[in-house]
Amino acid sequence: MLTLNIANLAEPDLRKAIASHCSEFGTVKVVNVLLPNCKSEYVVAVVTMATPAEAAAVDRKFGNAKVGSTAVIRLEQDVKGDLLRRFIRH
């Protein structure tokens, strides 16, 4: 799990912050962010690294799963904020 101020970051800035944390383990190729929806209250980052070994290092530090060169990371809000209100428009 990676803790960030999700509710106050625009999606491009959120991707940059995630990439910054993961870059200590190698080359970050792609960061995709899956925002919460009405069925889930959390954000997930799918981070593709240059090699499976780099993805394994990211997974050991932050991850919930790894497939090949890709790590899946659950993101948590670091300060009080209503993620559903920010991202879900009813």
Protein backbone atom coordinates (compact mmCIF):
# COMPACT_ATOMS: atom_id res chain seq x y z
CA MET A 1 0.00 0.00 0.00
CA LEU A 2 1.17 3.51 -0.81
CA THR A 3 -0.16 6.50 1.13
CA LEU A 4 -0.62 9.77 -0.79
CA ASN A 5 -2.84 12.84 -0.67
CA ILE A 6 -5.07 11.38 -3.37
CA ALA A 7 -8.07 13.67 -2.90
CA ASN A 8 -6.01 16.82 -3.50
CA LEU A 9 -3.92 15.68 -6.48
CA ALA A 10 -4.99 15.88 -10.11
CA GLU A 11 -4.64 12.53 -11.86
CA PRO A 12 -1.45 13.53 -13.79
CA ASP A 13 0.14 14.67 -10.51
CA LEU A 14 -0.95 11.46 -8.81
CA ARG A 15 0.73 9.41 -11.57
CA LYS A 16 3.92 11.46 -11.15
CA ALA A 17 3.91 10.94 -7.38
CA ILE A 18 3.47 7.19 -7.79
CA ALA A 19 6.24 7.07 -10.41
CA SER A 20 8.52 9.00 -8.08
CA HIS A 21 8.02 6.46 -5.26
CA CYS A 22 8.53 3.50 -7.61
CA SER A 23 11.56 4.93 -9.43
CA GLU A 24 13.83 4.09 -6.49
CA PHE A 25 13.49 0.45 -7.64
CA GLY A 26 14.22 1.02 -11.34
CA THR A 27 12.77 2.45 -14.52
CA VAL A 28 9.06 3.21 -14.42
CA LYS A 29 7.59 2.72 -17.88
CA VAL A 30 3.86 3.34 -17.32
CA VAL A 31 1.59 4.28 -14.42
CA ASN A 32 -2.16 3.81 -14.75
CA VAL A 33 -4.52 4.89 -12.00
CA LEU A 34 -7.87 3.18 -11.50
CA LEU A 35 -10.10 5.61 -9.64
CA PRO A 36 -12.81 4.53 -7.19
CA ASN A 37 -16.31 3.81 -8.36
CA CYS A 38 -19.62 3.21 -6.65
CA LYS A 39 -18.54 -0.36 -5.70
CA SER A 40 -15.10 0.42 -4.29
CA GLU A 41 -13.76 3.21 -2.12
CA TYR A 42 -10.10 2.84 -2.98
CA VAL A 43 -7.71 3.77 -5.76
CA VAL A 44 -5.41 1.27 -7.45
CA ALA A 45 -2.23 2.00 -9.39
CA VAL A 46 -0.97 -0.38 -12.05
CA VAL A 47 2.76 0.29 -12.47
CA THR A 48 4.79 -1.22 -15.30
CA MET A 49 8.50 -1.32 -14.63
CA ALA A 50 11.34 -2.07 -17.08
CA THR A 51 11.96 -5.58 -15.74
CA PRO A 52 10.18 -8.23 -13.69
CA ALA A 53 12.87 -7.87 -10.99
CA GLU A 54 12.12 -4.15 -10.64
CA ALA A 55 8.38 -4.90 -10.45
CA ALA A 56 9.09 -7.50 -7.76
CA ALA A 57 10.94 -4.86 -5.71
CA VAL A 58 8.00 -2.43 -6.05
CA ASP A 59 5.62 -5.23 -5.08
CA ARG A 60 7.63 -6.08 -1.96
CA LYS A 61 7.55 -2.43 -0.84
CA PHE A 62 4.02 -1.31 -1.83
CA GLY A 63 2.25 -3.99 -3.78
CA ASN A 64 -0.77 -6.16 -3.64
CA ALA A 65 0.13 -8.26 -6.70
CA LYS A 66 2.65 -8.62 -9.51
CA VAL A 67 2.39 -10.03 -13.01
CA GLY A 68 5.55 -9.99 -15.10
CA SER A 69 6.90 -6.43 -15.13
CA THR A 70 3.71 -4.95 -13.64
CA ALA A 71 2.91 -4.30 -9.99
CA VAL A 72 -0.55 -3.49 -8.61
CA ILE A 73 -0.57 -1.05 -5.70
CA ARG A 74 -3.51 -0.04 -3.52
CA LEU A 75 -3.40 3.67 -2.70
CA GLU A 76 -4.58 5.11 0.58
CA GLN A 77 -5.52 8.68 1.44
CA ASP A 78 -2.94 10.26 3.76
CA VAL A 79 -5.25 12.94 5.18
CA LYS A 80 -8.96 13.01 5.79
CA GLY A 81 -10.80 13.37 2.54
CA ASP A 82 -13.87 12.00 0.87
CA LEU A 83 -12.56 10.13 -2.15
CA LEU A 84 -15.99 9.08 -3.29
CA ARG A 85 -17.23 12.67 -3.25
CA ARG A 86 -14.18 13.77 -5.26
CA PHE A 87 -14.32 11.11 -7.95
CA ILE A 88 -17.91 9.89 -8.10
CA ARG A 89 -20.63 12.11 -9.46
CA HIS A 90 -24.07 10.71 -8.58
